[in-house]
Amino acid sequence: MSGMRLLVVQELCAWYGPAQVLHGLNFEVLEGEVVALVGPNGAGKSSTLKALMGLMPRRSGHLWFMGETLDQARPHAVAQRGIGYVPEDRRVFGDLTVLENVLVQTDWSLTNARAKRTEAMEMLEVVGLADRAGKPGAALSGGGIRRRRR
């Protein structure tokens, strides 16, 4: 394919605490490509996506999306550039604040960062969480998925 390089990942390494889970991952995604990340449980599929989003506690290597570096970008900034990640368990991002969790889902067609934050705070007010905007998402009660008994 001769499309533009949309996503470039070079030597991506990531850790959960002291355990290294990604070891020098390299790949690129070209415009018009459909890419699948496939592997058995524990192979690093979710860890790769979390590292791309900046959700891993530590990472190294280089990431570019549409020519802009994502090396030090926070999750909301990665989402702002156009990359999204929805956790498979549908829970909140525990390491992000409640406000940051909402900002990850915000309408990024808004060009003004202040407008985005205002919209996110208005959403939190509607659902009664404005007073918890600065608290970690993991601190919310009832945030987990309740499984139905069969």
N, C-alpha and C. Protein backbone atom coordinates (compact mmCIF):
# COMPACT_ATOMS: atom_id res chain seq x y z
N MET A 1 0.83 -1.19 0.00
CA MET A 1 0.00 0.00 0.00
C MET A 1 0.86 1.24 0.00
N SER A 2 0.40 2.26 -0.63
CA SER A 2 1.19 3.48 -0.71
C SER A 2 0.54 4.62 0.06
N GLY A 3 -0.37 4.30 0.99
CA GLY A 3 -1.06 5.33 1.76
C GLY A 3 -0.16 6.02 2.75
N MET A 4 -0.65 7.12 3.29
CA MET A 4 0.07 7.88 4.31
C MET A 4 0.24 7.02 5.57
N ARG A 5 1.35 7.18 6.26
CA ARG A 5 1.58 6.48 7.52
C ARG A 5 0.75 7.16 8.61
N LEU A 6 -0.33 6.50 9.06
CA LEU A 6 -1.18 7.08 10.09
C LEU A 6 -0.61 6.87 11.48
N LEU A 7 -0.19 5.65 11.77
CA LEU A 7 0.33 5.31 13.09
C LEU A 7 1.66 4.60 12.91
N VAL A 8 2.68 5.08 13.62
CA VAL A 8 3.99 4.45 13.60
C VAL A 8 4.39 4.16 15.04
N VAL A 9 4.76 2.92 15.29
CA VAL A 9 5.19 2.48 16.62
C VAL A 9 6.59 1.90 16.48
N GLN A 10 7.55 2.46 17.23
CA GLN A 10 8.93 2.00 17.17
C GLN A 10 9.44 1.67 18.56
N GLU A 11 9.90 0.43 18.70
CA GLU A 11 10.55 -0.03 19.93
C GLU A 11 9.69 0.21 21.18
N LEU A 12 8.41 -0.02 21.09
CA LEU A 12 7.50 0.21 22.22
C LEU A 12 7.73 -0.84 23.30
N CYS A 13 8.00 -0.35 24.49
CA CYS A 13 8.16 -1.20 25.67
C CYS A 13 7.22 -0.67 26.74
N ALA A 14 6.65 -1.57 27.52
CA ALA A 14 5.74 -1.14 28.59
C ALA A 14 5.83 -2.11 29.75
N TRP A 15 5.50 -1.59 30.92
CA TRP A 15 5.62 -2.34 32.15
C TRP A 15 4.35 -2.24 32.98
N TYR A 16 4.06 -3.28 33.73
CA TYR A 16 3.12 -3.24 34.84
C TYR A 16 4.00 -3.35 36.07
N GLY A 17 4.21 -2.23 36.75
CA GLY A 17 5.15 -2.24 37.88
C GLY A 17 6.52 -2.65 37.38
N PRO A 18 7.17 -3.61 38.05
CA PRO A 18 8.51 -4.04 37.61
C PRO A 18 8.50 -5.04 36.46
N ALA A 19 7.31 -5.53 36.07
CA ALA A 19 7.23 -6.57 35.03
C ALA A 19 7.09 -5.94 33.64
N GLN A 20 8.09 -6.19 32.80
CA GLN A 20 8.01 -5.70 31.43
C GLN A 20 7.09 -6.62 30.63
N VAL A 21 6.07 -6.03 29.98
CA VAL A 21 5.09 -6.82 29.25
C VAL A 21 5.15 -6.60 27.74
N LEU A 22 5.75 -5.52 27.30
CA LEU A 22 5.97 -5.29 25.87
C LEU A 22 7.46 -5.06 25.66
N HIS A 23 8.02 -5.74 24.67
CA HIS A 23 9.46 -5.73 24.45
C HIS A 23 9.78 -5.28 23.02
N GLY A 24 9.96 -3.99 22.82
CA GLY A 24 10.42 -3.48 21.53
C GLY A 24 9.48 -3.73 20.36
N LEU A 25 8.21 -3.45 20.55
CA LEU A 25 7.19 -3.66 19.52
C LEU A 25 7.32 -2.62 18.41
N ASN A 26 7.27 -3.08 17.16
CA ASN A 26 7.37 -2.20 15.99
C ASN A 26 6.25 -2.53 15.02
N PHE A 27 5.52 -1.51 14.58
CA PHE A 27 4.55 -1.69 13.50
C PHE A 27 4.10 -0.32 13.02
N GLU A 28 3.45 -0.32 11.86
CA GLU A 28 2.86 0.91 11.36
C GLU A 28 1.53 0.57 10.69
N VAL A 29 0.67 1.57 10.67
CA VAL A 29 -0.63 1.45 10.03
C VAL A 29 -0.71 2.53 8.97
N LEU A 30 -0.96 2.10 7.74
CA LEU A 30 -1.06 3.04 6.63
C LEU A 30 -2.51 3.42 6.38
N GLU A 31 -2.72 4.59 5.83
CA GLU A 31 -4.05 5.04 5.46
C GLU A 31 -4.73 3.99 4.59
N GLY A 32 -5.96 3.66 4.93
CA GLY A 32 -6.74 2.69 4.16
C GLY A 32 -6.56 1.25 4.62
N GLU A 33 -5.61 0.99 5.50
CA GLU A 33 -5.41 -0.37 6.00
C GLU A 33 -6.37 -0.69 7.12
N VAL A 34 -6.69 -1.95 7.23
CA VAL A 34 -7.40 -2.47 8.40
C VAL A 34 -6.42 -3.41 9.08
N VAL A 35 -6.16 -3.18 10.35
CA VAL A 35 -5.17 -3.95 11.07
C VAL A 35 -5.84 -4.66 12.24
N ALA A 36 -5.53 -5.92 12.42
CA ALA A 36 -6.05 -6.69 13.55
C ALA A 36 -4.88 -7.10 14.43
N LEU A 37 -5.06 -6.98 15.72
CA LEU A 37 -4.07 -7.41 16.69
C LEU A 37 -4.58 -8.72 17.28
N VAL A 38 -3.92 -9.81 16.94
CA VAL A 38 -4.41 -11.14 17.28
C VAL A 38 -3.35 -11.88 18.09
N GLY A 39 -3.81 -12.65 19.07
CA GLY A 39 -2.89 -13.48 19.85
C GLY A 39 -3.62 -14.12 21.01
N PRO A 40 -2.98 -15.10 21.64
CA PRO A 40 -3.61 -15.77 22.78
C PRO A 40 -3.68 -14.86 24.00
N ASN A 41 -4.44 -15.28 25.00
CA ASN A 41 -4.50 -14.53 26.26
C ASN A 41 -3.09 -14.35 26.80
N GLY A 42 -2.80 -13.16 27.26
CA GLY A 42 -1.50 -12.88 27.84
C GLY A 42 -0.43 -12.50 26.84
N ALA A 43 -0.78 -12.38 25.56
CA ALA A 43 0.22 -12.06 24.54
C ALA A 43 0.54 -10.57 24.47
N GLY A 44 -0.30 -9.72 25.08
CA GLY A 44 -0.01 -8.30 25.10
C GLY A 44 -0.92 -7.45 24.22
N LYS A 45 -2.03 -7.99 23.77
CA LYS A 45 -2.94 -7.21 22.90
C LYS A 45 -3.49 -6.00 23.65
N SER A 46 -4.09 -6.21 24.81
CA SER A 46 -4.64 -5.09 25.58
C SER A 46 -3.54 -4.17 26.07
N SER A 47 -2.41 -4.74 26.46
CA SER A 47 -1.28 -3.92 26.92
C SER A 47 -0.78 -3.01 25.80
N THR A 48 -0.77 -3.51 24.57
CA THR A 48 -0.35 -2.68 23.44
C THR A 48 -1.28 -1.49 23.28
N LEU A 49 -2.58 -1.74 23.33
CA LEU A 49 -3.55 -0.64 23.19
C LEU A 49 -3.45 0.34 24.35
N LYS A 50 -3.27 -0.16 25.56
CA LYS A 50 -3.13 0.72 26.72
C LYS A 50 -1.86 1.57 26.61
N ALA A 51 -0.78 0.96 26.13
CA ALA A 51 0.47 1.72 25.96
C ALA A 51 0.31 2.80 24.91
N LEU A 52 -0.39 2.48 23.81
CA LEU A 52 -0.62 3.50 22.78
C LEU A 52 -1.41 4.68 23.34
N MET A 53 -2.37 4.40 24.21
CA MET A 53 -3.21 5.45 24.79
C MET A 53 -2.54 6.20 25.93
N GLY A 54 -1.40 5.71 26.41
CA GLY A 54 -0.74 6.36 27.55
C GLY A 54 -1.29 5.90 28.88
N LEU A 55 -1.94 4.74 28.91
CA LEU A 55 -2.55 4.22 30.13
C LEU A 55 -1.64 3.30 30.93
N MET A 56 -0.48 2.98 30.38
CA MET A 56 0.47 2.12 31.09
C MET A 56 1.28 3.00 32.04
N PRO A 57 1.61 2.47 33.22
CA PRO A 57 2.39 3.26 34.18
C PRO A 57 3.72 3.76 33.64
N ARG A 58 4.42 2.93 32.86
CA ARG A 58 5.69 3.35 32.27
C ARG A 58 5.72 2.81 30.85
N ARG A 59 6.32 3.55 29.96
CA ARG A 59 6.51 3.07 28.59
C ARG A 59 7.72 3.77 27.99
N SER A 60 8.29 3.11 27.01
CA SER A 60 9.38 3.72 26.26
C SER A 60 9.19 3.36 24.80
N GLY A 61 9.99 3.95 23.96
CA GLY A 61 9.84 3.79 22.53
C GLY A 61 9.25 5.06 21.96
N HIS A 62 8.85 4.99 20.69
CA HIS A 62 8.34 6.18 20.02
C HIS A 62 7.02 5.88 19.33
N LEU A 63 6.09 6.82 19.44
CA LEU A 63 4.77 6.70 18.83
C LEU A 63 4.47 7.97 18.05
N TRP A 64 3.98 7.81 16.83
CA TRP A 64 3.54 8.95 16.03
C TRP A 64 2.17 8.65 15.46
N PHE A 65 1.31 9.62 15.48
CA PHE A 65 0.01 9.50 14.85
C PHE A 65 -0.16 10.69 13.93
N MET A 66 -0.33 10.42 12.65
CA MET A 66 -0.47 11.45 11.62
C MET A 66 0.66 12.47 11.71
N GLY A 67 1.88 11.97 11.94
CA GLY A 67 3.06 12.81 11.96
C GLY A 67 3.37 13.50 13.27
N GLU A 68 2.47 13.40 14.27
CA GLU A 68 2.70 14.05 15.57
C GLU A 68 3.12 13.01 16.59
N THR A 69 4.10 13.36 17.42
CA THR A 69 4.56 12.43 18.43
C THR A 69 3.51 12.26 19.53
N LEU A 70 3.44 11.03 20.03
CA LEU A 70 2.58 10.73 21.17
C LEU A 70 3.41 10.23 22.35
N ASP A 71 4.73 10.38 22.25
CA ASP A 71 5.63 9.78 23.24
C ASP A 71 5.26 10.12 24.69
N GLN A 72 4.92 11.34 24.97
CA GLN A 72 4.62 11.74 26.35
C GLN A 72 3.16 12.15 26.53
N ALA A 73 2.32 11.88 25.55
CA ALA A 73 0.93 12.35 25.59
C ALA A 73 0.10 11.61 26.63
N ARG A 74 -0.71 12.37 27.36
CA ARG A 74 -1.66 11.80 28.34
C ARG A 74 -2.84 11.21 27.55
N PRO A 75 -3.58 10.30 28.17
CA PRO A 75 -4.68 9.63 27.46
C PRO A 75 -5.69 10.57 26.81
N HIS A 76 -6.07 11.64 27.49
CA HIS A 76 -7.05 12.55 26.88
C HIS A 76 -6.45 13.27 25.67
N ALA A 77 -5.14 13.52 25.69
CA ALA A 77 -4.50 14.17 24.55
C ALA A 77 -4.40 13.20 23.36
N VAL A 78 -4.17 11.92 23.65
CA VAL A 78 -4.14 10.92 22.58
C VAL A 78 -5.53 10.84 21.93
N ALA A 79 -6.57 10.81 22.76
CA ALA A 79 -7.94 10.76 22.24
C ALA A 79 -8.25 12.02 21.44
N GLN A 80 -7.77 13.15 21.91
CA GLN A 80 -8.00 14.42 21.21
C GLN A 80 -7.42 14.37 19.80
N ARG A 81 -6.33 13.66 19.64
CA ARG A 81 -5.71 13.56 18.31
C ARG A 81 -6.45 12.58 17.41
N GLY A 82 -7.35 11.77 17.98
CA GLY A 82 -8.18 10.90 17.14
C GLY A 82 -8.06 9.41 17.38
N ILE A 83 -7.35 9.00 18.42
CA ILE A 83 -7.24 7.57 18.73
C ILE A 83 -8.16 7.29 19.92
N GLY A 84 -8.96 6.25 19.82
CA GLY A 84 -9.87 5.89 20.90
C GLY A 84 -9.60 4.50 21.42
N TYR A 85 -9.96 4.26 22.66
CA TYR A 85 -9.81 2.95 23.29
C TYR A 85 -10.99 2.77 24.23
N VAL A 86 -11.70 1.69 24.06
CA VAL A 86 -12.81 1.35 24.96
C VAL A 86 -12.42 0.08 25.68
N PRO A 87 -12.28 0.12 27.00
CA PRO A 87 -11.89 -1.09 27.73
C PRO A 87 -12.89 -2.21 27.49
N GLU A 88 -12.37 -3.42 27.35
CA GLU A 88 -13.25 -4.54 27.06
C GLU A 88 -14.23 -4.83 28.19
N ASP A 89 -13.91 -4.41 29.40
CA ASP A 89 -14.81 -4.69 30.52
C ASP A 89 -15.78 -3.53 30.79
N ARG A 90 -15.75 -2.50 29.99
CA ARG A 90 -16.64 -1.34 30.06
C ARG A 90 -16.55 -0.58 31.37
N ARG A 91 -15.47 -0.69 32.07
CA ARG A 91 -15.28 0.07 33.31
C ARG A 91 -14.62 1.41 32.99
N VAL A 92 -14.51 2.25 34.01
CA VAL A 92 -13.83 3.52 33.84
C VAL A 92 -12.33 3.29 33.88
N PHE A 93 -11.57 4.29 33.43
CA PHE A 93 -10.12 4.26 33.53
C PHE A 93 -9.77 4.66 34.96
N GLY A 94 -9.37 3.70 35.77
CA GLY A 94 -9.14 3.95 37.19
C GLY A 94 -8.04 4.94 37.50
N ASP A 95 -7.02 5.02 36.65
CA ASP A 95 -5.90 5.93 36.89
C ASP A 95 -6.18 7.36 36.45
N LEU A 96 -7.25 7.57 35.70
CA LEU A 96 -7.63 8.92 35.28
C LEU A 96 -8.63 9.49 36.27
N THR A 97 -8.72 10.80 36.33
CA THR A 97 -9.74 11.42 37.15
C THR A 97 -11.11 11.21 36.50
N VAL A 98 -12.16 11.46 37.27
CA VAL A 98 -13.51 11.36 36.72
C VAL A 98 -13.65 12.30 35.52
N LEU A 99 -13.13 13.52 35.65
CA LEU A 99 -13.20 14.48 34.54
C LEU A 99 -12.44 13.97 33.32
N GLU A 100 -11.24 13.41 33.52
CA GLU A 100 -10.47 12.90 32.39
C GLU A 100 -11.20 11.74 31.71
N ASN A 101 -11.90 10.91 32.49
CA ASN A 101 -12.69 9.83 31.89
C ASN A 101 -13.75 10.39 30.96
N VAL A 102 -14.36 11.49 31.35
CA VAL A 102 -15.38 12.11 30.49
C VAL A 102 -14.72 12.77 29.29
N LEU A 103 -13.57 13.42 29.50
CA LEU A 103 -12.87 14.08 28.39
C LEU A 103 -12.44 13.09 27.31
N VAL A 104 -12.10 11.87 27.70
CA VAL A 104 -11.74 10.86 26.71
C VAL A 104 -12.90 10.61 25.76
N GLN A 105 -14.11 10.77 26.24
CA GLN A 105 -15.31 10.51 25.43
C GLN A 105 -15.91 11.77 24.82
N THR A 106 -15.29 12.92 25.06
CA THR A 106 -15.85 14.20 24.63
C THR A 106 -15.85 14.35 23.12
N ASP A 107 -16.76 15.15 22.61
CA ASP A 107 -16.84 15.46 21.19
C ASP A 107 -15.63 16.30 20.80
N TRP A 108 -14.69 15.68 20.10
CA TRP A 108 -13.45 16.38 19.77
C TRP A 108 -13.58 17.28 18.57
N SER A 109 -14.80 17.43 18.04
CA SER A 109 -14.98 18.42 16.98
C SER A 109 -14.96 19.83 17.57
N LEU A 110 -15.11 19.92 18.89
CA LEU A 110 -14.94 21.21 19.55
C LEU A 110 -13.46 21.56 19.51
N THR A 111 -13.12 22.72 19.05
CA THR A 111 -11.71 23.06 18.89
C THR A 111 -11.12 23.75 20.12
N ASN A 112 -11.94 24.24 21.00
CA ASN A 112 -11.47 24.99 22.15
C ASN A 112 -11.39 24.08 23.38
N ALA A 113 -10.20 23.96 23.96
CA ALA A 113 -10.02 23.10 25.13
C ALA A 113 -10.91 23.54 26.28
N ARG A 114 -11.10 24.84 26.46
CA ARG A 114 -11.96 25.33 27.54
C ARG A 114 -13.41 24.89 27.30
N ALA A 115 -13.87 24.91 26.05
CA ALA A 115 -15.23 24.47 25.71
C ALA A 115 -15.38 22.98 26.00
N LYS A 116 -14.35 22.19 25.70
CA LYS A 116 -14.40 20.75 25.97
C LYS A 116 -14.53 20.49 27.47
N ARG A 117 -13.73 21.21 28.24
CA ARG A 117 -13.76 21.03 29.70
C ARG A 117 -15.11 21.47 30.25
N THR A 118 -15.64 22.58 29.75
CA THR A 118 -16.94 23.07 30.18
C THR A 118 -18.03 22.05 29.87
N GLU A 119 -18.00 21.51 28.65
CA GLU A 119 -18.99 20.50 28.28
C GLU A 119 -18.89 19.27 29.18
N ALA A 120 -17.66 18.84 29.46
CA ALA A 120 -17.46 17.67 30.32
C ALA A 120 -17.98 17.94 31.73
N MET A 121 -17.70 19.12 32.26
CA MET A 121 -18.19 19.46 33.60
C MET A 121 -19.72 19.53 33.63
N GLU A 122 -20.32 20.04 32.56
CA GLU A 122 -21.79 20.08 32.48
C GLU A 122 -22.36 18.67 32.50
N MET A 123 -21.71 17.74 31.79
CA MET A 123 -22.17 16.35 31.81
C MET A 123 -22.06 15.77 33.22
N LEU A 124 -20.97 16.08 33.91
CA LEU A 124 -20.79 15.57 35.27
C LEU A 124 -21.84 16.17 36.22
N GLU A 125 -22.20 17.43 36.01
CA GLU A 125 -23.25 18.04 36.83
C GLU A 125 -24.59 17.35 36.61
N VAL A 126 -24.89 17.03 35.36
CA VAL A 126 -26.16 16.37 35.04
C VAL A 126 -26.28 15.03 35.75
N VAL A 127 -25.19 14.28 35.81
CA VAL A 127 -25.25 12.96 36.45
C VAL A 127 -24.85 12.99 37.92
N GLY A 128 -24.65 14.19 38.46
CA GLY A 128 -24.38 14.34 39.89
C GLY A 128 -22.97 13.98 40.32
N LEU A 129 -22.01 14.13 39.41
CA LEU A 129 -20.63 13.78 39.75
C LEU A 129 -19.67 14.96 39.68
N ALA A 130 -20.17 16.17 39.52
CA ALA A 130 -19.29 17.33 39.39
C ALA A 130 -18.36 17.49 40.59
N ASP A 131 -18.86 17.17 41.78
CA ASP A 131 -18.03 17.31 42.98
C ASP A 131 -16.91 16.28 43.04
N ARG A 132 -16.95 15.27 42.17
CA ARG A 132 -15.93 14.23 42.14
C ARG A 132 -15.03 14.33 40.91
N ALA A 133 -15.10 15.43 40.18
CA ALA A 133 -14.37 15.58 38.92
C ALA A 133 -12.87 15.33 39.06
N GLY A 134 -12.27 15.74 40.16
CA GLY A 134 -10.83 15.59 40.36
C GLY A 134 -10.42 14.30 41.04
N LYS A 135 -11.36 13.47 41.41
CA LYS A 135 -11.06 12.20 42.08
C LYS A 135 -10.71 11.13 41.05
N PRO A 136 -9.92 10.14 41.44
CA PRO A 136 -9.62 9.05 40.50
C PRO A 136 -10.88 8.29 40.10
N GLY A 137 -10.95 7.86 38.85
CA GLY A 137 -12.09 7.08 38.39
C GLY A 137 -12.30 5.83 39.22
N ALA A 138 -11.20 5.24 39.72
CA ALA A 138 -11.29 4.02 40.52
C ALA A 138 -12.00 4.26 41.84
N ALA A 139 -12.11 5.53 42.27
CA ALA A 139 -12.75 5.84 43.54
C ALA A 139 -14.27 5.86 43.46
N LEU A 140 -14.81 5.79 42.24
CA LEU A 140 -16.27 5.78 42.10
C LEU A 140 -16.83 4.44 42.56
N SER A 141 -17.88 4.49 43.33
CA SER A 141 -18.53 3.23 43.72
C SER A 141 -19.54 2.87 42.65
N GLY A 142 -19.76 1.58 42.50
CA GLY A 142 -20.75 1.11 41.53
C GLY A 142 -20.27 1.21 40.10
N GLY A 143 -18.98 1.44 39.91
CA GLY A 143 -18.46 1.59 38.55
C GLY A 143 -18.23 0.28 37.83
N GLY A 144 -18.23 -0.81 38.56
CA GLY A 144 -17.96 -2.10 37.94
C GLY A 144 -19.20 -2.68 37.28
N ILE A 145 -18.98 -3.70 36.52
CA ILE A 145 -20.07 -4.40 35.85
C ILE A 145 -20.63 -5.44 36.81
N ARG A 146 -21.90 -5.44 36.98
CA ARG A 146 -22.54 -6.46 37.81
C ARG A 146 -22.98 -7.59 36.90
N ARG A 147 -22.55 -8.77 37.22
CA ARG A 147 -22.91 -9.92 36.41
C ARG A 147 -24.25 -10.47 36.90
N ARG A 148 -25.09 -10.81 35.95
CA ARG A 148 -26.38 -11.41 36.29
C ARG A 148 -26.18 -12.88 36.61
N ARG A 149 -26.88 -13.33 37.60
CA ARG A 149 -26.85 -14.76 37.89
C ARG A 149 -27.77 -15.47 36.95
N ARG A 150 -27.33 -16.61 36.50
CA ARG A 150 -28.15 -17.40 35.57
C ARG A 150 -28.90 -18.48 36.29
